[in-house]
Amino acid sequence: MNWQDVLAGTWNPETATNEMIRQSIRAWRNRQLAASDWTQLPDVPVDATVWATYRQELRDMMQQNDDPKLIVFPEPPQ
C-alpha cells in the first residue's frame, strides 16, 4: 500500500495537496484500525500481540514524516 493507492478514486495524485493526501491516509488508517478491532478480543484465535504491534504502527504512521508522500504503510499480520 502507498499514498497513491489510498488516493485512488478520491483525488487525482497529480493535483492532490499534502493535506488532501494526509486526510486520505488518516481515513484509510482509521478504517484499518476499525477492521482489526476484533483481533484484540480475549477469545480470538490470533496472536493478539502481533496484531497489537500492527495497530500501534497504524497509530504512529501519521507522525513518521511531515511529507505524507514519505509515510511508510505497515503490513498487516498474516
Protein backbone atom coordinates (compact mmCIF):
# COMPACT_ATOMS: atom_id res chain seq x y z
CA MET A 1 0.00 0.00 0.00
CA ASN A 2 1.15 3.53 -0.69
CA TRP A 3 -0.34 7.01 -0.76
CA GLN A 4 -1.25 6.79 -4.47
CA ASP A 5 -3.31 3.65 -3.77
CA VAL A 6 -5.06 5.42 -0.90
CA LEU A 7 -5.96 8.38 -3.13
CA ALA A 8 -7.33 6.16 -5.91
CA GLY A 9 -10.92 7.07 -6.59
CA THR A 10 -10.81 10.15 -4.37
CA TRP A 11 -8.38 12.74 -5.68
CA ASN A 12 -6.00 12.97 -8.58
CA PRO A 13 -2.50 12.15 -7.26
CA GLU A 14 -1.04 14.74 -9.66
CA THR A 15 -3.01 17.64 -8.17
CA ALA A 16 -3.60 16.49 -4.57
CA THR A 17 -2.16 18.73 -1.88
CA ASN A 18 -0.27 17.33 1.08
CA GLU A 19 -3.30 18.00 3.28
CA MET A 20 -5.55 16.02 0.92
CA ILE A 21 -3.06 13.15 1.00
CA ARG A 22 -2.87 13.28 4.81
CA GLN A 23 -6.68 13.23 5.07
CA SER A 24 -6.87 10.20 2.80
CA ILE A 25 -4.13 8.35 4.67
CA ARG A 26 -5.78 9.14 8.02
CA ALA A 27 -9.16 7.87 6.75
CA TRP A 28 -7.52 4.68 5.41
CA ARG A 29 -5.68 4.21 8.72
CA ASN A 30 -8.89 4.63 10.71
CA ARG A 31 -10.62 2.01 8.54
CA GLN A 32 -7.74 -0.42 9.12
CA LEU A 33 -7.92 0.12 12.87
CA ALA A 34 -11.69 -0.44 12.90
CA ALA A 35 -11.35 -3.54 10.73
CA SER A 36 -8.80 -5.04 13.13
CA ASP A 37 -10.58 -4.25 16.41
CA TRP A 38 -11.75 -7.87 16.66
CA THR A 39 -8.15 -9.07 16.96
CA GLN A 40 -7.91 -7.61 20.46
CA LEU A 41 -10.82 -9.56 21.93
CA PRO A 42 -9.77 -12.13 24.55
CA ASP A 43 -11.13 -15.26 22.84
CA VAL A 44 -9.99 -14.85 19.22
CA PRO A 45 -7.63 -17.41 17.64
CA VAL A 46 -4.91 -14.94 16.56
CA ASP A 47 -1.68 -13.68 18.07
CA ALA A 48 -3.04 -10.57 19.77
CA THR A 49 0.46 -9.24 20.45
CA VAL A 50 1.40 -9.24 16.77
CA TRP A 51 -1.87 -7.52 15.91
CA ALA A 52 -1.40 -5.00 18.73
CA THR A 53 2.01 -4.12 17.29
CA TYR A 54 0.48 -3.61 13.82
CA ARG A 55 -2.28 -1.46 15.29
CA GLN A 56 0.31 0.69 17.10
CA GLU A 57 2.23 1.09 13.83
CA LEU A 58 -1.01 2.33 12.25
CA ARG A 59 -1.48 4.86 15.04
CA ASP A 60 2.13 6.06 14.75
CA MET A 61 2.29 6.29 10.97
CA MET A 62 0.99 9.87 10.75
CA GLN A 63 3.97 11.09 12.82
CA GLN A 64 6.61 9.43 10.62
CA ASN A 65 7.22 12.37 8.33
CA ASP A 66 5.94 15.88 7.59
CA ASP A 67 5.72 14.89 3.92
CA PRO A 68 2.80 12.45 3.61
CA LYS A 69 4.30 11.01 0.42
CA LEU A 70 7.14 9.55 2.53
CA ILE A 71 4.94 7.75 5.07
CA VAL A 72 5.64 4.02 5.25
CA PHE A 73 2.50 1.88 5.43
CA PRO A 74 2.69 -1.03 7.87
CA GLU A 75 1.92 -4.53 6.63
CA PRO A 76 -0.88 -6.37 8.42
CA PRO A 77 -0.04 -9.71 10.04
CA GLN A 78 -0.84 -12.81 8.03
